[in-house]
């Protein structure tokens, strides 16, 4: 059975993504506090710090390419101990770290969930979705 890693799988959007995927494939969730669903493999980690990313990506592919879904990002209301981190740090740098780990693990597919109409909005958070990944993580 294919294994798909969902970052932020316990968040607002991520929960819905996991709900759709778990009947179709093995789902692995990278989250600061993994959920309790017995059919979902939880990996404790954080895009902000990079903790757990390598472990979450490892084994997400086997004899055929597997994939990752990035549904996580900076929380709208971060915990007090995370107020020093900005959404760009989490969304841009965290995504770059995840891409690097996915490349090292030879992951075949990567889906980045964004926002419809993001190129037309002046909102700072939405504008982050337009930032391109660092070419160094993509092997260019």
C-alpha atoms as a PDB file:
ATOM      1  CA  UNK A   1       0.000   0.000   0.000  1.00  0.00           C
ATOM      2  CA  UNK A   2       1.298   3.468  -0.877  1.00  0.00           C
ATOM      3  CA  UNK A   3       2.453   5.663   2.003  1.00  0.00           C
ATOM      4  CA  UNK A   4       1.715   9.378   1.887  1.00  0.00           C
ATOM      5  CA  UNK A   5       3.206  11.843   4.351  1.00  0.00           C
ATOM      6  CA  UNK A   6       0.962  14.751   5.328  1.00  0.00           C
ATOM      7  CA  UNK A   7       2.605  17.574   7.220  1.00  0.00           C
ATOM      8  CA  UNK A   8       0.191  19.488   9.403  1.00  0.00           C
ATOM      9  CA  UNK A   9      -2.186  16.535   9.310  1.00  0.00           C
ATOM     10  CA  UNK A  10      -3.730  17.509  12.646  1.00  0.00           C
ATOM     11  CA  UNK A  11      -4.455  21.101  11.600  1.00  0.00           C
ATOM     12  CA  UNK A  12      -7.531  22.683  10.057  1.00  0.00           C
ATOM     13  CA  UNK A  13      -6.901  21.655   6.437  1.00  0.00           C
ATOM     14  CA  UNK A  14      -4.663  18.687   7.222  1.00  0.00           C
ATOM     15  CA  UNK A  15      -7.373  16.805   9.116  1.00  0.00           C
ATOM     16  CA  UNK A  16      -9.585  16.889   6.029  1.00  0.00           C
ATOM     17  CA  UNK A  17      -6.724  15.769   3.761  1.00  0.00           C
ATOM     18  CA  UNK A  18      -5.941  12.846   6.093  1.00  0.00           C
ATOM     19  CA  UNK A  19      -9.625  11.892   6.273  1.00  0.00           C
ATOM     20  CA  UNK A  20      -9.812  11.619   2.470  1.00  0.00           C
ATOM     21  CA  UNK A  21      -6.502   9.764   2.080  1.00  0.00           C
ATOM     22  CA  UNK A  22      -6.644   7.196   4.881  1.00  0.00           C
ATOM     23  CA  UNK A  23      -9.130   4.944   3.062  1.00  0.00           C
ATOM     24  CA  UNK A  24      -6.933   4.939  -0.056  1.00  0.00           C
ATOM     25  CA  UNK A  25      -3.388   4.578   1.282  1.00  0.00           C
ATOM     26  CA  UNK A  26      -1.219   4.403   4.386  1.00  0.00           C
ATOM     27  CA  UNK A  27      -1.084   7.914   5.849  1.00  0.00           C
ATOM     28  CA  UNK A  28       1.805   9.226   7.906  1.00  0.00           C
ATOM     29  CA  UNK A  29       1.372  12.565   9.685  1.00  0.00           C
ATOM     30  CA  UNK A  30       4.185  14.865  10.792  1.00  0.00           C
ATOM     31  CA  UNK A  31       2.866  17.045  13.632  1.00  0.00           C
ATOM     32  CA  UNK A  32       4.007  18.568  16.908  1.00  0.00           C
ATOM     33  CA  UNK A  33       1.308  16.482  18.580  1.00  0.00           C
ATOM     34  CA  UNK A  34       0.335  13.503  16.391  1.00  0.00           C
ATOM     35  CA  UNK A  35      -3.304  12.461  16.594  1.00  0.00           C
ATOM     36  CA  UNK A  36      -4.712   9.272  18.053  1.00  0.00           C
ATOM     37  CA  UNK A  37      -6.211   7.674  14.930  1.00  0.00           C
ATOM     38  CA  UNK A  38      -5.028   4.029  14.965  1.00  0.00           C
ATOM     39  CA  UNK A  39      -4.873   3.777  11.143  1.00  0.00           C
ATOM     40  CA  UNK A  40      -2.683   6.880  10.785  1.00  0.00           C
ATOM     41  CA  UNK A  41       1.014   6.658  11.541  1.00  0.00           C
ATOM     42  CA  UNK A  42       2.037   9.681  13.609  1.00  0.00           C
ATOM     43  CA  UNK A  43       5.559  11.119  13.633  1.00  0.00           C
ATOM     44  CA  UNK A  44       6.350  13.809  16.196  1.00  0.00           C
ATOM     45  CA  UNK A  45       8.045  16.703  14.452  1.00  0.00           C
ATOM     46  CA  UNK A  46       7.893  20.315  13.411  1.00  0.00           C
ATOM     47  CA  UNK A  47       8.515  22.137  10.117  1.00  0.00           C
ATOM     48  CA  UNK A  48       9.580  25.146  12.194  1.00  0.00           C
ATOM     49  CA  UNK A  49      12.527  23.419  13.858  1.00  0.00           C
ATOM     50  CA  UNK A  50      13.114  20.637  11.348  1.00  0.00           C
ATOM     51  CA  UNK A  51      12.612  17.999  14.050  1.00  0.00           C
ATOM     52  CA  UNK A  52      11.260  14.686  12.772  1.00  0.00           C
ATOM     53  CA  UNK A  53      11.308  15.598   9.071  1.00  0.00           C
ATOM     54  CA  UNK A  54      13.934  13.021   8.090  1.00  0.00           C
ATOM     55  CA  UNK A  55      12.155  10.278  10.041  1.00  0.00           C
ATOM     56  CA  UNK A  56       8.771  11.224   8.578  1.00  0.00           C
ATOM     57  CA  UNK A  57      10.029  11.110   4.991  1.00  0.00           C
ATOM     58  CA  UNK A  58      12.084   7.908   5.418  1.00  0.00           C
ATOM     59  CA  UNK A  59      10.215   4.904   4.124  1.00  0.00           C
ATOM     60  CA  UNK A  60       7.552   7.025   2.462  1.00  0.00           C
ATOM     61  CA  UNK A  61       8.586   5.276  -0.721  1.00  0.00           C
ATOM     62  CA  UNK A  62       9.575   1.749  -1.597  1.00  0.00           C
ATOM     63  CA  UNK A  63       9.723  -0.066  -4.899  1.00  0.00           C
ATOM     64  CA  UNK A  64       7.481   2.610  -6.463  1.00  0.00           C
ATOM     65  CA  UNK A  65       7.553   6.395  -5.925  1.00  0.00           C
ATOM     66  CA  UNK A  66       5.354   7.691  -3.138  1.00  0.00           C
ATOM     67  CA  UNK A  67       4.404  11.213  -2.241  1.00  0.00           C
ATOM     68  CA  UNK A  68       4.110  13.954   0.305  1.00  0.00           C
ATOM     69  CA  UNK A  69       1.392  16.497   0.903  1.00  0.00           C
ATOM     70  CA  UNK A  70       2.338  19.730   2.619  1.00  0.00           C
ATOM     71  CA  UNK A  71      -0.756  21.007   4.400  1.00  0.00           C
ATOM     72  CA  UNK A  72       1.040  22.443   7.413  1.00  0.00           C
ATOM     73  CA  UNK A  73       2.263  25.930   7.963  1.00  0.00           C
ATOM     74  CA  UNK A  74       2.621  28.631  10.548  1.00  0.00           C
ATOM     75  CA  UNK A  75      -0.278  28.598  13.002  1.00  0.00           C
ATOM     76  CA  UNK A  76      -2.411  31.727  12.951  1.00  0.00           C
ATOM     77  CA  UNK A  77      -2.142  31.945  16.717  1.00  0.00           C
ATOM     78  CA  UNK A  78       1.232  30.410  17.611  1.00  0.00           C
ATOM     79  CA  UNK A  79       1.927  29.160  21.129  1.00  0.00           C
ATOM     80  CA  UNK A  80       3.758  31.670  23.333  1.00  0.00           C
ATOM     81  CA  UNK A  81       7.061  29.791  23.006  1.00  0.00           C
ATOM     82  CA  UNK A  82       6.914  30.159  19.210  1.00  0.00           C
ATOM     83  CA  UNK A  83       6.230  33.880  18.946  1.00  0.00           C
ATOM     84  CA  UNK A  84       9.824  34.460  17.827  1.00  0.00           C
ATOM     85  CA  UNK A  85       9.209  32.473  14.637  1.00  0.00           C
ATOM     86  CA  UNK A  86       7.529  34.133  11.705  1.00  0.00           C
ATOM     87  CA  UNK A  87       5.257  32.565   9.092  1.00  0.00           C
ATOM     88  CA  UNK A  88       8.000  32.992   6.454  1.00  0.00           C
ATOM     89  CA  UNK A  89      10.371  30.987   8.630  1.00  0.00           C
ATOM     90  CA  UNK A  90       7.909  28.124   8.921  1.00  0.00           C
ATOM     91  CA  UNK A  91       6.249  28.234   5.519  1.00  0.00           C
ATOM     92  CA  UNK A  92       9.271  28.997   3.352  1.00  0.00           C
ATOM     93  CA  UNK A  93      12.239  27.571   5.259  1.00  0.00           C
ATOM     94  CA  UNK A  94      10.218  24.635   6.630  1.00  0.00           C
ATOM     95  CA  UNK A  95       9.048  23.768   3.132  1.00  0.00           C
ATOM     96  CA  UNK A  96      12.620  23.956   1.865  1.00  0.00           C
ATOM     97  CA  UNK A  97      13.742  21.562   4.629  1.00  0.00           C
ATOM     98  CA  UNK A  98      10.936  19.159   3.737  1.00  0.00           C
ATOM     99  CA  UNK A  99      11.831  19.329   0.030  1.00  0.00           C
ATOM    100  CA  UNK A 100      15.475  18.576   0.831  1.00  0.00           C
ATOM    101  CA  UNK A 101      14.518  15.535   2.919  1.00  0.00           C
ATOM    102  CA  UNK A 102      12.096  14.354   0.223  1.00  0.00           C
ATOM    103  CA  UNK A 103      14.822  14.641  -2.412  1.00  0.00           C
ATOM    104  CA  UNK A 104      17.295  12.695  -0.271  1.00  0.00           C
ATOM    105  CA  UNK A 105      14.680   9.985   0.294  1.00  0.00           C
ATOM    106  CA  UNK A 106      13.918   9.879  -3.467  1.00  0.00           C
ATOM    107  CA  UNK A 107      10.255  10.767  -2.971  1.00  0.00           C
ATOM    108  CA  UNK A 108       8.547  10.766  -6.340  1.00  0.00           C
ATOM    109  CA  UNK A 109       5.826  13.353  -5.810  1.00  0.00           C
ATOM    110  CA  UNK A 110       5.300  16.449  -3.690  1.00  0.00           C
ATOM    111  CA  UNK A 111       2.020  18.365  -3.417  1.00  0.00           C
ATOM    112  CA  UNK A 112       2.020  21.855  -1.952  1.00  0.00           C
ATOM    113  CA  UNK A 113      -1.418  23.084  -0.915  1.00  0.00           C
ATOM    114  CA  UNK A 114      -1.836  26.778  -1.636  1.00  0.00           C
ATOM    115  CA  UNK A 115      -4.626  29.351  -1.860  1.00  0.00           C
ATOM    116  CA  UNK A 116      -6.857  30.051  -4.873  1.00  0.00           C
ATOM    117  CA  UNK A 117      -6.239  33.577  -6.170  1.00  0.00           C
ATOM    118  CA  UNK A 118      -3.088  33.995  -4.101  1.00  0.00           C
ATOM    119  CA  UNK A 119      -1.377  35.929  -6.882  1.00  0.00           C
ATOM    120  CA  UNK A 120      -4.041  38.661  -6.628  1.00  0.00           C
ATOM    121  CA  UNK A 121      -4.179  39.285  -2.889  1.00  0.00           C
ATOM    122  CA  UNK A 122      -2.126  41.826  -0.928  1.00  0.00           C
ATOM    123  CA  UNK A 123      -2.410  39.861   2.333  1.00  0.00           C
ATOM    124  CA  UNK A 124       1.096  39.100   3.674  1.00  0.00           C
ATOM    125  CA  UNK A 125       0.324  35.493   4.686  1.00  0.00           C
ATOM    126  CA  UNK A 126      -1.171  34.691   1.283  1.00  0.00           C
ATOM    127  CA  UNK A 127       1.806  36.290  -0.492  1.00  0.00           C
ATOM    128  CA  UNK A 128       4.052  33.693   1.191  1.00  0.00           C
ATOM    129  CA  UNK A 129       2.416  31.049  -0.960  1.00  0.00           C
ATOM    130  CA  UNK A 130       4.010  32.693  -4.009  1.00  0.00           C
ATOM    131  CA  UNK A 131       7.570  32.331  -2.695  1.00  0.00           C
ATOM    132  CA  UNK A 132       9.392  29.722  -4.772  1.00  0.00           C
ATOM    133  CA  UNK A 133      11.415  26.975  -3.092  1.00  0.00           C
ATOM    134  CA  UNK A 134      15.141  27.420  -2.980  1.00  0.00           C
ATOM    135  CA  UNK A 135      16.710  25.915  -6.140  1.00  0.00           C
ATOM    136  CA  UNK A 136      19.434  24.314  -3.984  1.00  0.00           C
ATOM    137  CA  UNK A 137      16.820  21.969  -2.494  1.00  0.00           C
ATOM    138  CA  UNK A 138      15.576  21.005  -5.929  1.00  0.00           C
ATOM    139  CA  UNK A 139      19.004  20.056  -7.260  1.00  0.00           C
ATOM    140  CA  UNK A 140      19.363  23.020  -9.593  1.00  0.00           C
END
